[in-house]
C-alpha atoms as a PDB file:
ATOM      1  CA  MET A   1      33.579  40.266  42.229  1.00  0.00           C
ATOM      2  CA  LEU A   2      30.190  39.086  41.363  1.00  0.00           C
ATOM      3  CA  ALA A   3      27.057  40.557  42.526  1.00  0.00           C
ATOM      4  CA  ILE A   4      24.448  37.696  43.986  1.00  0.00           C
ATOM      5  CA  GLU A   5      21.119  38.801  43.264  1.00  0.00           C
ATOM      6  CA  PRO A   6      17.848  36.899  44.821  1.00  0.00           C
ATOM      7  CA  ALA A   7      15.701  34.844  42.390  1.00  0.00           C
ATOM      8  CA  LEU A   8      12.929  37.182  43.293  1.00  0.00           C
ATOM      9  CA  PRO A   9      12.476  40.605  44.745  1.00  0.00           C
ATOM     10  CA  MET A  10      11.475  40.668  48.451  1.00  0.00           C
ATOM     11  CA  ASP A  11       8.257  42.933  47.174  1.00  0.00           C
ATOM     12  CA  ALA A  12       7.192  40.299  44.212  1.00  0.00           C
ATOM     13  CA  ILE A  13       6.296  37.559  47.170  1.00  0.00           C
ATOM     14  CA  GLU A  14       2.912  37.377  48.487  1.00  0.00           C
ATOM     15  CA  PRO A  15       0.834  35.218  50.531  1.00  0.00           C
ATOM     16  CA  ALA A  16      -0.812  32.519  49.259  1.00  0.00           C
ATOM     17  CA  GLU A  17      -4.333  33.668  50.500  1.00  0.00           C
ATOM     18  CA  PRO A  18      -4.723  36.811  53.174  1.00  0.00           C
ATOM     19  CA  ILE A  19      -4.630  35.363  56.895  1.00  0.00           C
ATOM     20  CA  GLU A  20      -8.134  36.805  57.733  1.00  0.00           C
ATOM     21  CA  ALA A  21      -9.498  34.754  54.898  1.00  0.00           C
ATOM     22  CA  ILE A  22      -8.201  31.559  57.045  1.00  0.00           C
ATOM     23  CA  GLU A  23     -11.556  30.190  59.507  1.00  0.00           C
ATOM     24  CA  PRO A  24     -11.671  27.183  61.772  1.00  0.00           C
ATOM     25  CA  ALA A  25     -13.271  24.096  60.113  1.00  0.00           C
ATOM     26  CA  GLN A  26     -16.116  23.927  62.488  1.00  0.00           C
ATOM     27  CA  PRO A  27     -16.707  26.616  65.756  1.00  0.00           C
ATOM     28  CA  ILE A  28     -15.501  25.585  68.912  1.00  0.00           C
ATOM     29  CA  ASP A  29     -19.293  25.684  70.333  1.00  0.00           C
ATOM     30  CA  ALA A  30     -20.532  23.379  67.842  1.00  0.00           C
ATOM     31  CA  ILE A  31     -18.076  20.288  68.932  1.00  0.00           C
ATOM     32  CA  ASP A  32     -20.340  17.934  70.881  1.00  0.00           C
ATOM     33  CA  PRO A  33     -18.003  15.387  73.142  1.00  0.00           C
ATOM     34  CA  LYS A  34     -19.578  11.929  72.665  1.00  0.00           C
ATOM     35  CA  GLU A  35     -19.475  11.271  75.781  1.00  0.00           C
ATOM     36  CA  PRO A  36     -19.545  13.078  79.383  1.00  0.00           C
ATOM     37  CA  MET A  37     -15.925  14.388  80.737  1.00  0.00           C
ATOM     38  CA  ASP A  38     -15.918  12.300  83.863  1.00  0.00           C
ATOM     39  CA  ALA A  39     -16.637   9.018  81.650  1.00  0.00           C
ATOM     40  CA  ILE A  40     -13.263   9.428  80.366  1.00  0.00           C
ATOM     41  CA  GLU A  41     -10.784   7.447  82.048  1.00  0.00           C
ATOM     42  CA  VAL A  42      -7.386   8.697  82.876  1.00  0.00           C
ATOM     43  CA  VAL A  43      -4.174   6.293  82.906  1.00  0.00           C
ATOM     44  CA  ASP A  44      -1.164   7.608  84.392  1.00  0.00           C
ATOM     45  CA  ASP A  45       1.275   4.835  83.917  1.00  0.00           C
ATOM     46  CA  PHE A  46       3.467   6.715  81.640  1.00  0.00           C
ATOM     47  CA  THR A  47       6.267   4.057  81.155  1.00  0.00           C
ATOM     48  CA  PRO A  48       6.687   3.325  77.728  1.00  0.00           C
ATOM     49  CA  ARG A  49       6.046  -0.609  76.486  1.00  0.00           C
ATOM     50  CA  ALA A  50       9.503  -1.530  75.390  1.00  0.00           C
ATOM     51  CA  VAL A  51      10.362  -0.926  79.253  1.00  0.00           C
ATOM     52  CA  ARG A  52       7.136  -2.816  80.470  1.00  0.00           C
ATOM     53  CA  SER A  53       8.251  -5.813  78.655  1.00  0.00           C
ATOM     54  CA  ILE A  54      11.414  -6.205  80.511  1.00  0.00           C
ATOM     55  CA  PRO A  55      11.213  -8.733  83.499  1.00  0.00           C
ATOM     56  CA  GLN A  56      11.805  -7.255  87.073  1.00  0.00           C
ATOM     57  CA  ALA A  57      14.624  -8.935  89.077  1.00  0.00           C
END
């Protein structure tokens, strides 16, 4: 029987960069909304457009 060996030993695999070195692009507190939240219009019609274009009998 042939012996199957992994291409790389498992302990030779290293992450590209340590997990703790990853930082968000900008802090959450620095995000400034362009307009107040109550000025955003909420549309509650979730019907797909293809269904909406079919004439109702």
